[in-house]
Amino acid sequence: MGTINSRYKSYCYIENLSQFVGSEVTLRGWVYHKTGKGKLHFIQLRDGTGIVQCVVFKPNVSEEVFERAKSLTQESSLILKGYVREDPRSPVGIEIDVSDLQVIQLTNDYPITPKEHGDSFLMEHRHLWLRSSKQHAIIRVRSAVIKAIRDFFDGNGFKQVDSPILTPNACEGTTTLFETKYFDLGSAYLSQSGQLYAEASAMAHGKVYTFGPTFRAELSKTRKHLTEFWMVEPEMAFFDLDDDMDLAEDLVEYIVQYVLKHCKKELEILERDITKLEKVRRPFYRMTYTEAVDWLNRNNVPIIRKVDGKEIEEPFPWGEDFGAVQEEAIMEQFDKPCIIHRYPAKVKAFYMKRDPQNPELVLAMDMLAPERGGEIIGGSQREDDYNALLERIKEENLPLEAFQWYLDLRKYGSVPHSGFGLGIERTVKWITGARHIREVIPFPRMIYRIYP
């Protein structure tokens, strides 16, 4: 780690206060809450790393400082000095006896008060809602999830090789693309996935991952969909489907156990039942798509279709892709993730390799999370045969010239290879127990929201 010689290296933060018991410290932050009576004012100060109670006792400070404390309002910014003392009644075991206080800005009419607010109001004020304790905790867990992912791949011989966000072609189908004009070259599209370019990188580096934003123009309003989300996508040369599934299990186990170790405080704030997360240890459950369909029909989980404006329940047919209803029903029986593999080729992407045992199937896999977490990983073994991939591209009526470079990977040193994508927001939603996916990304983009 590089040496920091700047002045801010000496700044004291709330999360480190236990190191300064008995000493005077300077804290910088915002008023989370304030109460007072007579000669005492109690300031709940937050600084981004935590919240601590700061006690202003009139005999211990000047009249001017006491009046400043009295004037403080929610989210006013300040710098204060005080002595750190242990207090077992405090949630953090520490309190501050204030000796001096400087107000940077007094806030008036802060819109998010302790009363209940509707979802629409909170989303309109997302830039401020991020400061609330639960939203703050969720984003800290998100940060830990991202660090765990990077640590896992960096520690296992992977190289991060970024894929472009602007692409000339679709990866997952043309119906969910955001299109933009690209100078004199025609249309470009916001990337649905970094996978195709990651495959090229894997042929150069063996094991790679790409990590960045992806975009889907799906007209979906569910609790699990965003139009802009973040995804990590490893791609591995010489990996088959079994290797792919093993790696996915290793990754998810590592992420969950990392969060349990490093985010105890945040999970407590979120009132998350960690006993359920503690069960997320390999091996996970696995079942084939065909076994899953059989289970749905044995347990009377139907598919609902609209016929002449009426909803009709039918047995789930082999060959349909699962929706949220089916995924959640399957996962009711499991206390940790389950991988469903070997899907019908017609419901999966063109680049997935056909199962040599049954050409109606592809060597694909999805990982479903328990507790209504839904699909958090989708992956496959990729088609490595030139002629087979060319046939798939033609069957899908994709522009051949746009995929010529992708076909080249099958002409020059083609090998079996596999990969998957893990959605950051769905993973964080599951781990934190958040009610809606819009809460697990700082500024969500949805079909009805692009502000703030």
Protein backbone atom coordinates (compact mmCIF):
# COMPACT_ATOMS: atom_id res chain seq x y z
CA MET A 1 0.00 0.00 0.00
CA GLY A 2 1.32 3.43 -0.91
CA THR A 3 2.33 5.88 1.78
CA ILE A 4 -0.05 8.79 2.36
CA ASN A 5 1.80 11.94 3.39
CA SER A 6 -1.11 14.37 3.07
CA ARG A 7 -2.73 16.14 6.00
CA TYR A 8 -5.94 14.10 5.75
CA LYS A 9 -4.02 11.01 6.84
CA SER A 10 -4.35 12.28 10.43
CA TYR A 11 -8.14 12.84 10.25
CA CYS A 12 -10.09 10.89 12.85
CA TYR A 13 -13.17 8.92 11.82
CA ILE A 14 -15.98 7.49 13.93
CA GLU A 15 -15.23 3.89 12.98
CA ASN A 16 -11.76 4.26 14.57
CA LEU A 17 -12.77 6.01 17.81
CA SER A 18 -12.05 2.97 20.00
CA GLN A 19 -8.35 3.66 19.37
CA PHE A 20 -8.62 7.11 20.99
CA VAL A 21 -10.34 6.48 24.33
CA GLY A 22 -9.23 9.15 26.78
CA SER A 23 -7.90 11.44 24.04
CA GLU A 24 -9.26 14.60 22.48
CA VAL A 25 -10.23 14.19 18.83
CA THR A 26 -11.60 16.34 16.02
CA LEU A 27 -14.56 14.96 14.08
CA ARG A 28 -16.10 16.24 10.88
CA GLY A 29 -19.61 15.34 9.84
CA TRP A 30 -23.35 15.99 9.81
CA VAL A 31 -26.11 16.01 12.41
CA TYR A 32 -28.09 12.80 12.06
CA HIS A 33 -30.37 13.62 14.99
CA LYS A 34 -30.35 16.03 17.94
CA THR A 35 -32.16 16.28 21.26
CA GLY A 36 -31.61 18.59 24.17
CA LYS A 37 -32.91 19.75 27.50
CA GLY A 38 -31.64 22.29 29.99
CA LYS A 39 -27.87 22.15 30.20
CA LEU A 40 -27.47 19.16 27.83
CA HIS A 41 -27.56 18.69 24.09
CA PHE A 42 -27.17 15.24 22.53
CA ILE A 43 -25.92 15.27 18.95
CA GLN A 44 -25.95 12.11 16.85
CA LEU A 45 -23.04 12.83 14.52
CA ARG A 46 -22.42 10.87 11.33
CA ASP A 47 -19.30 11.11 9.19
CA GLY A 48 -19.82 8.39 6.58
CA THR A 49 -18.08 5.70 8.63
CA GLY A 50 -20.55 5.55 11.51
CA ILE A 51 -22.70 7.45 13.99
CA VAL A 52 -21.66 8.50 17.50
CA GLN A 53 -23.40 10.44 20.23
CA CYS A 54 -21.71 13.71 21.17
CA VAL A 55 -22.71 15.28 24.49
CA VAL A 56 -22.60 19.05 24.93
CA PHE A 57 -22.70 19.87 28.66
CA LYS A 58 -23.08 23.59 29.33
CA PRO A 59 -20.48 23.87 32.15
CA ASN A 60 -17.86 22.25 29.86
CA VAL A 61 -18.11 24.69 26.94
CA SER A 62 -18.35 28.39 26.32
CA GLU A 63 -21.74 30.09 26.09
CA GLU A 64 -21.13 30.63 22.39
CA VAL A 65 -20.45 26.93 21.74
CA PHE A 66 -23.52 25.91 23.74
CA GLU A 67 -25.71 28.23 21.65
CA ARG A 68 -24.22 26.83 18.46
CA ALA A 69 -25.13 23.32 19.62
CA LYS A 70 -28.63 24.52 20.47
CA SER A 71 -29.08 25.92 16.93
CA LEU A 72 -28.11 22.71 15.12
CA THR A 73 -30.67 21.10 12.80
CA GLN A 74 -30.88 17.75 10.98
CA GLU A 75 -28.07 17.42 8.40
CA SER A 76 -26.26 20.59 9.47
CA SER A 77 -22.55 20.20 8.83
CA LEU A 78 -19.98 20.83 11.55
CA ILE A 79 -16.56 20.22 13.00
CA LEU A 80 -16.33 19.41 16.68
CA LYS A 81 -13.68 18.61 19.23
CA GLY A 82 -14.21 16.39 22.21
CA TYR A 83 -12.88 13.70 24.50
CA VAL A 84 -13.53 10.06 23.72
CA ARG A 85 -14.89 7.97 26.57
CA GLU A 86 -16.22 4.46 26.80
CA ASP A 87 -19.95 4.09 27.39
CA PRO A 88 -21.49 0.60 27.44
CA ARG A 89 -24.94 2.10 26.78
CA SER A 90 -23.81 3.40 23.42
CA PRO A 91 -24.39 1.19 20.33
CA VAL A 92 -20.73 1.73 19.43
CA GLY A 93 -19.46 1.62 23.03
CA ILE A 94 -18.18 5.20 22.74
CA GLU A 95 -19.44 8.72 23.47
CA ILE A 96 -17.84 12.12 22.89
CA ASP A 97 -17.75 14.86 25.53
CA VAL A 98 -17.73 17.96 23.37
CA SER A 99 -15.25 20.74 24.13
CA ASP A 100 -15.65 22.90 21.01
CA LEU A 101 -17.95 23.06 18.01
CA GLN A 102 -17.81 24.90 14.69
CA VAL A 103 -20.85 25.07 12.42
CA ILE A 104 -20.07 24.89 8.71
CA GLN A 105 -23.66 25.17 7.49
CA LEU A 106 -27.02 25.23 9.24
CA THR A 107 -29.59 23.26 7.25
CA ASN A 108 -33.17 24.45 7.00
CA ASP A 109 -36.21 22.33 6.10
CA TYR A 110 -34.37 19.08 5.36
CA PRO A 111 -36.98 17.16 3.35
CA ILE A 112 -36.45 13.63 4.71
CA THR A 113 -37.60 13.67 8.33
CA PRO A 114 -38.04 10.78 10.79
CA LYS A 115 -41.70 10.43 9.71
CA GLU A 116 -42.82 7.91 7.07
CA HIS A 117 -42.32 8.88 3.42
CA GLY A 118 -43.66 7.15 0.30
CA ASP A 119 -41.39 5.34 -2.15
CA SER A 120 -41.94 7.93 -4.88
CA PHE A 121 -40.95 10.78 -2.56
CA LEU A 122 -37.84 8.95 -1.39
CA MET A 123 -36.77 8.16 -4.95
CA GLU A 124 -37.25 11.80 -5.97
CA HIS A 125 -34.85 12.61 -3.12
CA ARG A 126 -32.50 9.67 -3.69
CA HIS A 127 -29.50 12.01 -3.48
CA LEU A 128 -30.48 12.68 0.15
CA TRP A 129 -32.06 9.31 1.00
CA LEU A 130 -28.61 7.77 0.60
CA ARG A 131 -27.75 9.34 3.98
CA SER A 132 -30.33 7.35 5.97
CA SER A 133 -28.99 4.53 8.11
CA LYS A 134 -30.45 1.60 6.16
CA GLN A 135 -29.59 3.00 2.74
CA HIS A 136 -26.10 3.81 4.01
CA ALA A 137 -25.71 0.23 5.27
CA ILE A 138 -26.87 -1.27 1.96
CA ILE A 139 -24.35 0.72 -0.07
CA ARG A 140 -21.55 -0.26 2.33
CA VAL A 141 -22.51 -3.92 1.81
CA ARG A 142 -22.47 -3.30 -1.94
CA SER A 143 -18.95 -1.92 -1.63
CA ALA A 144 -17.90 -5.02 0.32
CA VAL A 145 -19.45 -7.32 -2.30
CA ILE A 146 -17.46 -5.57 -5.04
CA LYS A 147 -14.24 -5.81 -3.04
CA ALA A 148 -14.87 -9.50 -2.37
CA ILE A 149 -15.37 -10.13 -6.10
CA ARG A 150 -12.16 -8.38 -7.03
CA ASP A 151 -10.21 -10.11 -4.26
CA PHE A 152 -11.56 -13.49 -5.35
CA PHE A 153 -10.63 -13.15 -9.00
CA ASP A 154 -7.36 -11.26 -8.46
CA GLY A 155 -6.34 -13.91 -5.93
CA ASN A 156 -7.10 -16.79 -8.29
CA GLY A 157 -5.01 -15.81 -11.28
CA PHE A 158 -7.60 -13.81 -13.22
CA LYS A 159 -6.78 -10.59 -15.06
CA GLN A 160 -9.31 -7.78 -15.34
CA VAL A 161 -9.67 -6.89 -19.02
CA ASP A 162 -12.38 -4.31 -19.64
CA SER A 163 -14.90 -4.71 -22.45
CA PRO A 164 -16.32 -1.75 -24.38
CA ILE A 165 -19.65 -0.21 -23.40
CA LEU A 166 -20.40 0.99 -26.94
CA THR A 167 -20.77 -1.98 -29.29
CA PRO A 168 -21.75 -2.45 -32.94
CA ASN A 169 -23.97 -5.46 -32.27
CA ALA A 170 -26.24 -7.20 -29.78
CA CYS A 171 -25.10 -9.90 -27.38
CA GLU A 172 -28.35 -11.11 -25.79
CA GLY A 173 -30.88 -10.24 -28.54
CA THR A 174 -31.85 -7.13 -30.44
CA THR A 175 -35.13 -6.31 -28.68
CA THR A 176 -33.58 -4.88 -25.50
CA LEU A 177 -30.93 -2.54 -26.90
CA PHE A 178 -30.36 1.14 -26.27
CA GLU A 179 -29.36 2.58 -29.64
CA THR A 180 -27.38 5.73 -30.42
CA LYS A 181 -25.96 7.29 -33.57
CA TYR A 182 -22.21 6.75 -33.87
CA PHE A 183 -20.78 9.52 -36.07
CA ASP A 184 -20.75 8.40 -39.73
CA LEU A 185 -20.59 4.69 -38.91
CA GLY A 186 -24.29 4.17 -38.30
CA SER A 187 -25.77 2.85 -35.07
CA ALA A 188 -24.02 1.79 -31.89
CA TYR A 189 -25.57 0.16 -28.85
CA LEU A 190 -25.03 0.31 -25.11
CA SER A 191 -23.60 -3.03 -24.07
CA GLN A 192 -25.89 -5.75 -22.75
CA SER A 193 -22.86 -7.74 -21.61
CA GLY A 194 -19.08 -7.69 -21.75
CA GLN A 195 -18.99 -11.41 -22.48
CA LEU A 196 -18.20 -11.59 -26.20
CA TYR A 197 -15.17 -9.34 -25.81
CA ALA A 198 -14.17 -11.19 -22.65
CA GLU A 199 -14.00 -14.36 -24.74
CA ALA A 200 -11.43 -12.69 -26.97
CA SER A 201 -9.49 -11.57 -23.88
CA ALA A 202 -9.59 -15.12 -22.46
CA MET A 203 -7.94 -16.42 -25.62
CA ALA A 204 -5.07 -14.04 -24.87
CA HIS A 205 -4.85 -14.31 -21.07
CA GLY A 206 -6.47 -17.64 -20.16
CA LYS A 207 -8.61 -16.45 -17.24
CA VAL A 208 -10.13 -12.96 -17.28
CA TYR A 209 -13.00 -10.98 -15.90
CA THR A 210 -14.74 -7.85 -17.04
CA PHE A 211 -16.55 -5.62 -14.57
CA GLY A 212 -18.75 -2.71 -15.46
CA PRO A 213 -22.20 -1.32 -16.24
CA THR A 214 -24.53 -3.09 -18.64
CA PHE A 215 -27.79 -1.94 -20.17
CA ARG A 216 -31.09 -3.65 -20.99
CA ALA A 217 -34.05 -1.85 -22.52
CA GLU A 218 -36.58 -4.32 -21.13
CA LEU A 219 -40.07 -2.99 -20.45
CA SER A 220 -40.11 -4.53 -17.00
CA LYS A 221 -41.27 -3.05 -13.71
CA THR A 222 -40.41 -5.91 -11.36
CA ARG A 223 -38.51 -5.61 -8.09
CA LYS A 224 -35.54 -7.31 -9.79
CA HIS A 225 -35.04 -5.25 -12.97
CA LEU A 226 -33.00 -2.16 -13.77
CA THR A 227 -32.20 -0.66 -17.15
CA GLU A 228 -28.61 0.02 -16.02
CA PHE A 229 -26.89 -2.45 -13.74
CA TRP A 230 -23.41 -3.71 -12.91
CA MET A 231 -22.14 -7.14 -13.74
CA VAL A 232 -18.94 -9.11 -13.28
CA GLU A 233 -18.25 -11.60 -16.05
CA PRO A 234 -15.40 -14.11 -15.80
CA GLU A 235 -14.39 -16.01 -18.92
CA MET A 236 -12.08 -19.01 -18.85
CA ALA A 237 -10.24 -20.88 -21.59
CA PHE A 238 -10.35 -24.69 -21.31
CA PHE A 239 -13.25 -24.63 -18.78
CA ASP A 240 -16.27 -26.85 -19.44
CA LEU A 241 -19.73 -26.45 -17.90
CA ASP A 242 -18.82 -28.35 -14.73
CA ASP A 243 -15.77 -26.12 -14.20
CA ASP A 244 -18.01 -23.10 -14.77
CA MET A 245 -20.53 -24.22 -12.15
CA ASP A 246 -17.78 -25.00 -9.63
CA LEU A 247 -16.28 -21.53 -10.07
CA ALA A 248 -19.69 -19.88 -9.66
CA GLU A 249 -20.24 -21.73 -6.38
CA ASP A 250 -16.78 -20.79 -5.11
CA LEU A 251 -17.36 -17.13 -5.95
CA VAL A 252 -20.78 -16.82 -4.30
CA GLU A 253 -19.63 -18.65 -1.17
CA TYR A 254 -16.64 -16.29 -0.93
CA ILE A 255 -18.78 -13.17 -1.38
CA VAL A 256 -21.33 -14.14 1.28
CA GLN A 257 -18.73 -15.21 3.83
CA TYR A 258 -16.74 -12.02 3.21
CA VAL A 259 -19.80 -9.89 3.89
CA LEU A 260 -20.61 -11.84 7.04
CA LYS A 261 -17.08 -11.20 8.29
CA HIS A 262 -16.73 -7.53 7.34
CA CYS A 263 -20.29 -6.12 7.48
CA LYS A 264 -21.64 -7.25 10.86
CA LYS A 265 -22.69 -3.73 11.82
CA GLU A 266 -24.43 -3.10 8.51
CA LEU A 267 -26.32 -6.41 8.61
CA GLU A 268 -27.48 -5.58 12.14
CA ILE A 269 -28.79 -2.19 10.98
CA LEU A 270 -30.64 -3.96 8.18
CA GLU A 271 -32.03 -6.53 10.67
CA ARG A 272 -30.80 -9.29 8.35
CA ASP A 273 -31.15 -12.87 9.59
CA ILE A 274 -27.52 -13.91 9.20
CA THR A 275 -28.22 -17.54 10.16
CA LYS A 276 -29.59 -17.96 6.63
CA LEU A 277 -26.47 -16.47 5.07
CA GLU A 278 -24.24 -18.64 7.24
CA LYS A 279 -25.64 -21.69 5.42
CA VAL A 280 -24.27 -20.48 2.09
CA ARG A 281 -21.43 -22.99 1.87
CA ARG A 282 -20.46 -25.32 -0.95
CA PRO A 283 -21.66 -27.63 -2.31
CA PHE A 284 -24.80 -25.85 -3.54
CA TYR A 285 -27.82 -27.68 -4.89
CA ARG A 286 -28.03 -28.61 -8.57
CA MET A 287 -30.77 -29.87 -10.85
CA THR A 288 -31.25 -30.07 -14.59
CA TYR A 289 -33.86 -27.98 -16.34
CA THR A 290 -35.86 -31.16 -17.05
CA GLU A 291 -35.76 -32.14 -13.38
CA ALA A 292 -36.93 -28.65 -12.45
CA VAL A 293 -39.89 -28.85 -14.86
CA ASP A 294 -40.85 -32.25 -13.42
CA TRP A 295 -40.66 -30.80 -9.90
CA LEU A 296 -42.90 -27.86 -10.84
CA ASN A 297 -45.56 -30.16 -12.26
CA ARG A 298 -45.38 -32.61 -9.37
CA ASN A 299 -45.91 -29.70 -7.02
CA ASN A 300 -48.68 -28.08 -9.07
CA VAL A 301 -46.80 -24.88 -9.89
CA PRO A 302 -48.48 -23.75 -13.12
CA ILE A 303 -47.68 -21.30 -15.85
CA ILE A 304 -50.27 -18.53 -16.22
CA ARG A 305 -51.27 -17.47 -19.71
CA LYS A 306 -53.68 -14.82 -20.92
CA VAL A 307 -56.31 -16.13 -23.32
CA ASP A 308 -59.01 -13.75 -24.56
CA GLY A 309 -58.19 -11.39 -21.71
CA LYS A 310 -58.52 -14.09 -19.05
CA GLU A 311 -55.73 -15.66 -17.01
CA ILE A 312 -55.58 -19.43 -17.41
CA GLU A 313 -53.37 -21.79 -15.40
CA GLU A 314 -51.67 -24.64 -17.26
CA PRO A 315 -49.07 -27.24 -16.31
CA PHE A 316 -45.58 -25.88 -16.94
CA PRO A 317 -44.52 -27.04 -20.42
CA TRP A 318 -41.05 -28.34 -21.19
CA GLY A 319 -39.32 -25.77 -23.39
CA GLU A 320 -40.51 -22.57 -21.69
CA ASP A 321 -38.11 -20.38 -19.74
CA PHE A 322 -38.77 -19.97 -16.03
CA GLY A 323 -40.26 -16.79 -14.66
CA ALA A 324 -40.11 -15.37 -11.15
CA VAL A 325 -43.06 -17.53 -10.02
CA GLN A 326 -41.34 -20.76 -11.03
CA GLU A 327 -37.91 -19.73 -9.73
CA GLU A 328 -39.26 -18.73 -6.33
CA ALA A 329 -41.33 -21.92 -6.06
CA ILE A 330 -38.30 -24.11 -6.84
CA MET A 331 -36.18 -22.27 -4.26
CA GLU A 332 -38.71 -22.69 -1.42
CA GLN A 333 -37.20 -26.13 -0.80
CA PHE A 334 -33.59 -24.90 -0.57
CA ASP A 335 -31.68 -23.00 2.13
CA LYS A 336 -28.78 -22.04 -0.14
CA PRO A 337 -28.37 -21.39 -3.88
CA CYS A 338 -29.31 -23.93 -6.53
CA ILE A 339 -27.86 -24.20 -10.03
CA ILE A 340 -30.24 -25.25 -12.79
CA HIS A 341 -28.40 -26.44 -15.89
CA ARG A 342 -28.89 -27.80 -19.41
CA TYR A 343 -31.70 -25.60 -20.73
CA PRO A 344 -33.62 -25.91 -24.00
CA ALA A 345 -31.58 -24.30 -26.78
CA LYS A 346 -34.54 -22.27 -28.02
CA VAL A 347 -34.76 -20.17 -24.82
CA LYS A 348 -31.04 -19.40 -24.59
CA ALA A 349 -28.53 -17.26 -26.48
CA PHE A 350 -26.94 -18.19 -29.82
CA TYR A 351 -23.40 -18.53 -28.44
CA MET A 352 -24.15 -21.38 -26.01
CA LYS A 353 -22.77 -24.80 -26.87
CA ARG A 354 -25.23 -27.59 -27.64
CA ASP A 355 -25.20 -30.57 -25.30
CA PRO A 356 -23.49 -33.43 -27.19
CA GLN A 357 -25.85 -35.86 -25.42
CA ASN A 358 -28.97 -34.00 -26.56
CA PRO A 359 -28.82 -31.28 -29.25
CA GLU A 360 -32.13 -29.82 -28.04
CA LEU A 361 -30.26 -28.63 -24.94
CA VAL A 362 -27.45 -26.16 -24.39
CA LEU A 363 -24.70 -26.37 -21.77
CA ALA A 364 -26.12 -23.42 -19.85
CA MET A 365 -26.60 -22.80 -16.16
CA ASP A 366 -28.42 -20.31 -13.94
CA MET A 367 -27.82 -19.89 -10.22
CA LEU A 368 -30.93 -19.09 -8.19
CA ALA A 369 -30.70 -17.58 -4.71
CA PRO A 370 -33.00 -18.57 -1.85
CA GLU A 371 -35.32 -16.15 0.01
CA ARG A 372 -36.81 -14.91 -3.28
CA GLY A 373 -33.39 -13.79 -4.46
CA GLY A 374 -34.07 -14.93 -8.02
CA GLU A 375 -31.42 -15.51 -10.66
CA ILE A 376 -28.09 -14.01 -9.63
CA ILE A 377 -25.86 -15.80 -12.16
CA GLY A 378 -26.33 -16.86 -15.76
CA GLY A 379 -23.63 -18.66 -17.69
CA SER A 380 -22.69 -21.38 -20.13
CA GLN A 381 -20.05 -23.27 -21.99
CA ARG A 382 -19.55 -21.31 -25.21
CA GLU A 383 -19.80 -22.77 -28.69
CA ASP A 384 -16.21 -23.32 -29.81
CA ASP A 385 -16.88 -24.83 -33.25
CA TYR A 386 -16.77 -22.36 -36.15
CA ASN A 387 -19.42 -24.01 -38.32
CA ALA A 388 -21.84 -24.57 -35.44
CA LEU A 389 -21.56 -20.95 -34.32
CA LEU A 390 -21.97 -19.69 -37.89
CA GLU A 391 -25.16 -21.73 -38.18
CA ARG A 392 -26.50 -20.25 -34.93
CA ILE A 393 -25.80 -16.69 -36.10
CA LYS A 394 -27.64 -17.33 -39.35
CA GLU A 395 -30.59 -18.97 -37.54
CA GLU A 396 -30.94 -15.88 -35.34
CA ASN A 397 -30.78 -13.57 -38.40
CA LEU A 398 -27.86 -11.68 -36.85
CA PRO A 399 -25.67 -9.49 -39.09
CA LEU A 400 -22.80 -11.74 -40.06
CA GLU A 401 -20.36 -8.90 -40.69
CA ALA A 402 -20.79 -7.62 -37.13
CA PHE A 403 -19.77 -11.01 -35.73
CA GLN A 404 -16.89 -11.80 -38.04
CA TRP A 405 -14.35 -10.96 -35.35
CA TYR A 406 -16.22 -13.25 -32.93
CA LEU A 407 -16.12 -16.08 -35.47
CA ASP A 408 -12.37 -15.50 -35.85
CA LEU A 409 -11.94 -16.76 -32.29
CA ARG A 410 -13.15 -20.16 -33.57
CA LYS A 411 -10.77 -20.08 -36.54
CA TYR A 412 -7.50 -19.37 -34.78
CA GLY A 413 -6.73 -21.66 -31.87
CA SER A 414 -10.27 -22.41 -30.70
CA VAL A 415 -10.59 -24.23 -27.38
CA PRO A 416 -13.47 -25.20 -25.06
CA HIS A 417 -14.26 -22.22 -22.87
CA SER A 418 -16.94 -21.06 -20.44
CA GLY A 419 -18.06 -18.08 -18.42
CA PHE A 420 -20.90 -16.45 -16.57
CA GLY A 421 -22.25 -13.12 -15.41
CA LEU A 422 -23.11 -12.23 -11.82
CA GLY A 423 -25.44 -9.29 -11.32
CA ILE A 424 -24.20 -7.04 -8.54
CA GLU A 425 -27.58 -5.53 -7.68
CA ARG A 426 -29.45 -8.83 -7.48
CA THR A 427 -26.69 -10.29 -5.35
CA VAL A 428 -26.69 -7.31 -2.97
CA LYS A 429 -30.50 -7.34 -2.81
CA TRP A 430 -30.44 -10.98 -1.74
CA ILE A 431 -27.62 -10.60 0.79
CA THR A 432 -29.06 -7.46 2.41
CA GLY A 433 -32.70 -8.54 2.25
CA ALA A 434 -33.58 -5.24 0.57
CA ARG A 435 -37.21 -4.91 -0.49
CA HIS A 436 -36.55 -3.55 -3.98
CA ILE A 437 -33.56 -3.55 -6.32
CA ARG A 438 -33.71 0.25 -6.62
CA GLU A 439 -32.34 0.43 -3.05
CA VAL A 440 -29.07 -1.38 -3.80
CA ILE A 441 -27.59 0.95 -6.42
CA PRO A 442 -26.88 4.61 -5.58
CA PHE A 443 -28.91 6.09 -8.45
CA PRO A 444 -31.22 3.51 -10.05
CA ARG A 445 -32.25 3.72 -13.68
CA MET A 446 -35.63 2.17 -14.39
CA ILE A 447 -38.14 2.43 -17.24
CA TYR A 448 -40.02 5.16 -15.36
CA ARG A 449 -37.09 6.89 -13.66
CA ILE A 450 -33.93 8.67 -14.77
CA TYR A 451 -33.93 11.45 -12.11
CA PRO A 452 -31.92 12.32 -10.11
